[in-house]
Structures are given as C-alpha cells and as structure tokens.
Amino acid sequence: MKEVVKALRKSPAGAANLEVPGIVILAADISPMDVISHIPVLCEEHNVPYIFVTSRAELGAAGNTKRPTSVVMVSETRVGKKAEKIEGEEEFGEVYKDLLKVVKKESDNVRR
C-alpha cells in the first residue's frame, strides 16, 4: 500500500493531467475499510483510474503471490530496479490498454 500511495503522490495532480501513470486495483473485502479509504480520493485528485475487485486473496493470486493483497497499481511500463526488457512485454502493453478501457468504461457507468 505504501508504494501505491507514493506513486500516486508523485504523479501530476489535476484534471489537466492526460498521462495515466497506471491503474489502481483495490480489494473490497478490507477490514477496516479506513485503511484504504483515502486511496480512491488520491486517484481522483491525480486522474488515475481505479477499480475494486471482490477479494484480497484473488488480488494476491493475480499478482503471483500467496499473500492476500489490499491494493496494487499496474503500470504500462516496468519501473524501478527491474526495468529491463522482458519476454511478452508487447503483449502486456495490449492487455494493459484493454484493462484501461474496461476501467474507464466502468467508472463512466458509476458516475451516471
């Protein structure tokens, strides 16, 4: 969670920000919810799309870990120490763009 908050705070704020640094995925079964309740607000301030999934366990499994996970941020390109090019990166870029479309479509449905 600390890394997601740090990445959100480093991204440019405001509605004029057209660059999307990533997509935030939150687990809905967090207890107490106050632990992550500030993250959607940060996402909206920084124009970062976010979506909720039902289970921490499923989110952890999707991230290839055995630990339940509260929140992840998926970015189009690798950042950090392991930023070298990996096999399947082009395919990941296509999947990321599809995910971005789904998240934006769902957020438009919620706002109506």
C-alpha atoms as a PDB file:
ATOM      1  CA  MET A   1       0.000   0.000   0.000  1.00  0.00           C
ATOM      2  CA  LYS A   2       2.831   2.413   0.789  1.00  0.00           C
ATOM      3  CA  GLU A   3       4.274   2.078  -2.709  1.00  0.00           C
ATOM      4  CA  VAL A   4       0.900   2.776  -4.357  1.00  0.00           C
ATOM      5  CA  VAL A   5       0.352   5.897  -2.256  1.00  0.00           C
ATOM      6  CA  LYS A   6       3.902   7.060  -3.026  1.00  0.00           C
ATOM      7  CA  ALA A   7       3.384   6.537  -6.769  1.00  0.00           C
ATOM      8  CA  LEU A   8       0.078   8.414  -6.668  1.00  0.00           C
ATOM      9  CA  ARG A   9       1.566  11.365  -4.805  1.00  0.00           C
ATOM     10  CA  LYS A  10       4.466  11.583  -7.277  1.00  0.00           C
ATOM     11  CA  SER A  11       2.131  11.671 -10.292  1.00  0.00           C
ATOM     12  CA  PRO A  12       0.998  15.101 -11.555  1.00  0.00           C
ATOM     13  CA  ALA A  13      -2.268  16.261  -9.992  1.00  0.00           C
ATOM     14  CA  GLY A  14      -5.277  17.813 -11.673  1.00  0.00           C
ATOM     15  CA  ALA A  15      -7.828  17.127 -14.369  1.00  0.00           C
ATOM     16  CA  ALA A  16      -5.463  18.530 -16.998  1.00  0.00           C
ATOM     17  CA  ASN A  17      -3.182  15.540 -16.458  1.00  0.00           C
ATOM     18  CA  LEU A  18      -3.807  13.364 -19.515  1.00  0.00           C
ATOM     19  CA  GLU A  19      -0.989  10.932 -18.784  1.00  0.00           C
ATOM     20  CA  VAL A  20      -2.170   7.889 -16.836  1.00  0.00           C
ATOM     21  CA  PRO A  21       0.679   6.553 -14.667  1.00  0.00           C
ATOM     22  CA  GLY A  22      -1.200   3.323 -14.011  1.00  0.00           C
ATOM     23  CA  ILE A  23      -4.404   1.666 -12.886  1.00  0.00           C
ATOM     24  CA  VAL A  24      -5.105   1.124  -9.190  1.00  0.00           C
ATOM     25  CA  ILE A  25      -6.871  -2.100  -8.217  1.00  0.00           C
ATOM     26  CA  LEU A  26      -8.343  -2.264  -4.706  1.00  0.00           C
ATOM     27  CA  ALA A  27      -9.743  -5.245  -2.816  1.00  0.00           C
ATOM     28  CA  ALA A  28     -13.251  -4.639  -1.486  1.00  0.00           C
ATOM     29  CA  ASP A  29     -13.024  -7.023   1.467  1.00  0.00           C
ATOM     30  CA  ILE A  30     -10.569  -4.950   3.513  1.00  0.00           C
ATOM     31  CA  SER A  31     -11.419  -4.615   7.163  1.00  0.00           C
ATOM     32  CA  PRO A  32     -11.405  -1.924   8.446  1.00  0.00           C
ATOM     33  CA  MET A  33     -12.085  -0.048   5.231  1.00  0.00           C
ATOM     34  CA  ASP A  34     -10.454   3.073   6.694  1.00  0.00           C
ATOM     35  CA  VAL A  35      -7.079   1.531   5.836  1.00  0.00           C
ATOM     36  CA  ILE A  36      -7.589   2.157   2.106  1.00  0.00           C
ATOM     37  CA  SER A  37     -10.411   4.715   2.061  1.00  0.00           C
ATOM     38  CA  HIS A  38      -8.031   7.567   1.167  1.00  0.00           C
ATOM     39  CA  ILE A  39      -6.720   5.855  -1.983  1.00  0.00           C
ATOM     40  CA  PRO A  40      -9.768   6.480  -4.252  1.00  0.00           C
ATOM     41  CA  VAL A  41      -9.601  10.160  -3.278  1.00  0.00           C
ATOM     42  CA  LEU A  42      -5.916  10.302  -4.230  1.00  0.00           C
ATOM     43  CA  CYS A  43      -6.704   8.536  -7.511  1.00  0.00           C
ATOM     44  CA  GLU A  44      -9.362  11.088  -8.409  1.00  0.00           C
ATOM     45  CA  GLU A  45      -7.098  14.017  -7.479  1.00  0.00           C
ATOM     46  CA  HIS A  46      -4.362  12.667  -9.763  1.00  0.00           C
ATOM     47  CA  ASN A  47      -6.661  11.487 -12.574  1.00  0.00           C
ATOM     48  CA  VAL A  48      -5.702   7.824 -12.074  1.00  0.00           C
ATOM     49  CA  PRO A  49      -8.396   5.240 -12.858  1.00  0.00           C
ATOM     50  CA  TYR A  50      -9.208   2.708 -10.152  1.00  0.00           C
ATOM     51  CA  ILE A  51     -11.418  -0.326  -9.768  1.00  0.00           C
ATOM     52  CA  PHE A  52     -12.492  -2.621  -6.945  1.00  0.00           C
ATOM     53  CA  VAL A  53     -12.264  -6.415  -7.006  1.00  0.00           C
ATOM     54  CA  THR A  54     -14.087  -8.640  -4.548  1.00  0.00           C
ATOM     55  CA  SER A  55     -11.279 -10.457  -2.765  1.00  0.00           C
ATOM     56  CA  ARG A  56      -7.827  -9.765  -1.314  1.00  0.00           C
ATOM     57  CA  ALA A  57      -6.898 -13.401  -1.860  1.00  0.00           C
ATOM     58  CA  GLU A  58      -7.801 -13.230  -5.561  1.00  0.00           C
ATOM     59  CA  LEU A  59      -5.885  -9.970  -5.981  1.00  0.00           C
ATOM     60  CA  GLY A  60      -2.834 -11.553  -4.366  1.00  0.00           C
ATOM     61  CA  ALA A  61      -3.122 -14.620  -6.581  1.00  0.00           C
ATOM     62  CA  ALA A  62      -3.387 -12.405  -9.663  1.00  0.00           C
ATOM     63  CA  GLY A  63      -0.165 -10.726  -8.557  1.00  0.00           C
ATOM     64  CA  ASN A  64       1.516 -14.142  -8.364  1.00  0.00           C
ATOM     65  CA  THR A  65       1.847 -14.156  -4.575  1.00  0.00           C
ATOM     66  CA  LYS A  66       0.371 -16.347  -1.866  1.00  0.00           C
ATOM     67  CA  ARG A  67      -0.337 -13.339   0.348  1.00  0.00           C
ATOM     68  CA  PRO A  68      -3.690 -11.561   0.307  1.00  0.00           C
ATOM     69  CA  THR A  69      -3.170  -8.119  -1.228  1.00  0.00           C
ATOM     70  CA  SER A  70      -5.091  -4.933  -0.440  1.00  0.00           C
ATOM     71  CA  VAL A  71      -4.098  -2.716  -3.356  1.00  0.00           C
ATOM     72  CA  VAL A  72      -1.883  -2.829  -6.441  1.00  0.00           C
ATOM     73  CA  MET A  73      -1.017  -0.339  -9.138  1.00  0.00           C
ATOM     74  CA  VAL A  74      -0.452  -1.682 -12.633  1.00  0.00           C
ATOM     75  CA  SER A  75       1.570   0.499 -14.977  1.00  0.00           C
ATOM     76  CA  GLU A  76       2.081   0.129 -18.707  1.00  0.00           C
ATOM     77  CA  THR A  77       5.858   0.041 -18.442  1.00  0.00           C
ATOM     78  CA  ARG A  78       8.103  -1.504 -15.836  1.00  0.00           C
ATOM     79  CA  VAL A  79       9.614   0.940 -13.381  1.00  0.00           C
ATOM     80  CA  GLY A  80      12.190   0.585 -10.667  1.00  0.00           C
ATOM     81  CA  LYS A  81      15.180  -1.691 -10.298  1.00  0.00           C
ATOM     82  CA  LYS A  82      13.847  -4.438 -12.570  1.00  0.00           C
ATOM     83  CA  ALA A  83      13.087  -2.202 -15.553  1.00  0.00           C
ATOM     84  CA  GLU A  84      14.900  -4.392 -18.088  1.00  0.00           C
ATOM     85  CA  LYS A  85      13.018  -5.641 -21.122  1.00  0.00           C
ATOM     86  CA  ILE A  86      11.263  -8.972 -20.593  1.00  0.00           C
ATOM     87  CA  GLU A  87       9.632 -11.544 -22.821  1.00  0.00           C
ATOM     88  CA  GLY A  88       5.974 -10.802 -23.635  1.00  0.00           C
ATOM     89  CA  GLU A  89       6.188  -7.080 -22.912  1.00  0.00           C
ATOM     90  CA  GLU A  90       4.391  -6.139 -26.162  1.00  0.00           C
ATOM     91  CA  GLU A  91       1.506  -8.464 -25.298  1.00  0.00           C
ATOM     92  CA  PHE A  92       1.343  -6.947 -21.813  1.00  0.00           C
ATOM     93  CA  GLY A  93       1.025  -3.472 -23.365  1.00  0.00           C
ATOM     94  CA  GLU A  94      -2.017  -4.601 -25.350  1.00  0.00           C
ATOM     95  CA  VAL A  95      -3.618  -6.219 -22.293  1.00  0.00           C
ATOM     96  CA  TYR A  96      -2.919  -3.062 -20.264  1.00  0.00           C
ATOM     97  CA  LYS A  97      -4.697  -0.909 -22.846  1.00  0.00           C
ATOM     98  CA  ASP A  98      -7.705  -3.273 -22.766  1.00  0.00           C
ATOM     99  CA  LEU A  99      -7.757  -3.087 -18.961  1.00  0.00           C
ATOM    100  CA  LEU A 100      -7.629   0.704 -19.119  1.00  0.00           C
ATOM    101  CA  LYS A 101     -10.668   0.715 -21.440  1.00  0.00           C
ATOM    102  CA  VAL A 102     -12.627  -1.568 -19.088  1.00  0.00           C
ATOM    103  CA  VAL A 103     -11.803   0.534 -16.015  1.00  0.00           C
ATOM    104  CA  LYS A 104     -12.736   3.796 -17.740  1.00  0.00           C
ATOM    105  CA  LYS A 105     -15.991   2.274 -19.037  1.00  0.00           C
ATOM    106  CA  GLU A 106     -16.921   1.045 -15.552  1.00  0.00           C
ATOM    107  CA  SER A 107     -16.066   4.376 -13.936  1.00  0.00           C
ATOM    108  CA  ASP A 108     -18.250   6.167 -16.513  1.00  0.00           C
ATOM    109  CA  ASN A 109     -21.138   3.809 -15.643  1.00  0.00           C
ATOM    110  CA  VAL A 110     -20.726   4.511 -11.918  1.00  0.00           C
ATOM    111  CA  ARG A 111     -20.717   8.295 -12.425  1.00  0.00           C
ATOM    112  CA  ARG A 112     -24.017   8.259 -14.287  1.00  0.00           C
END
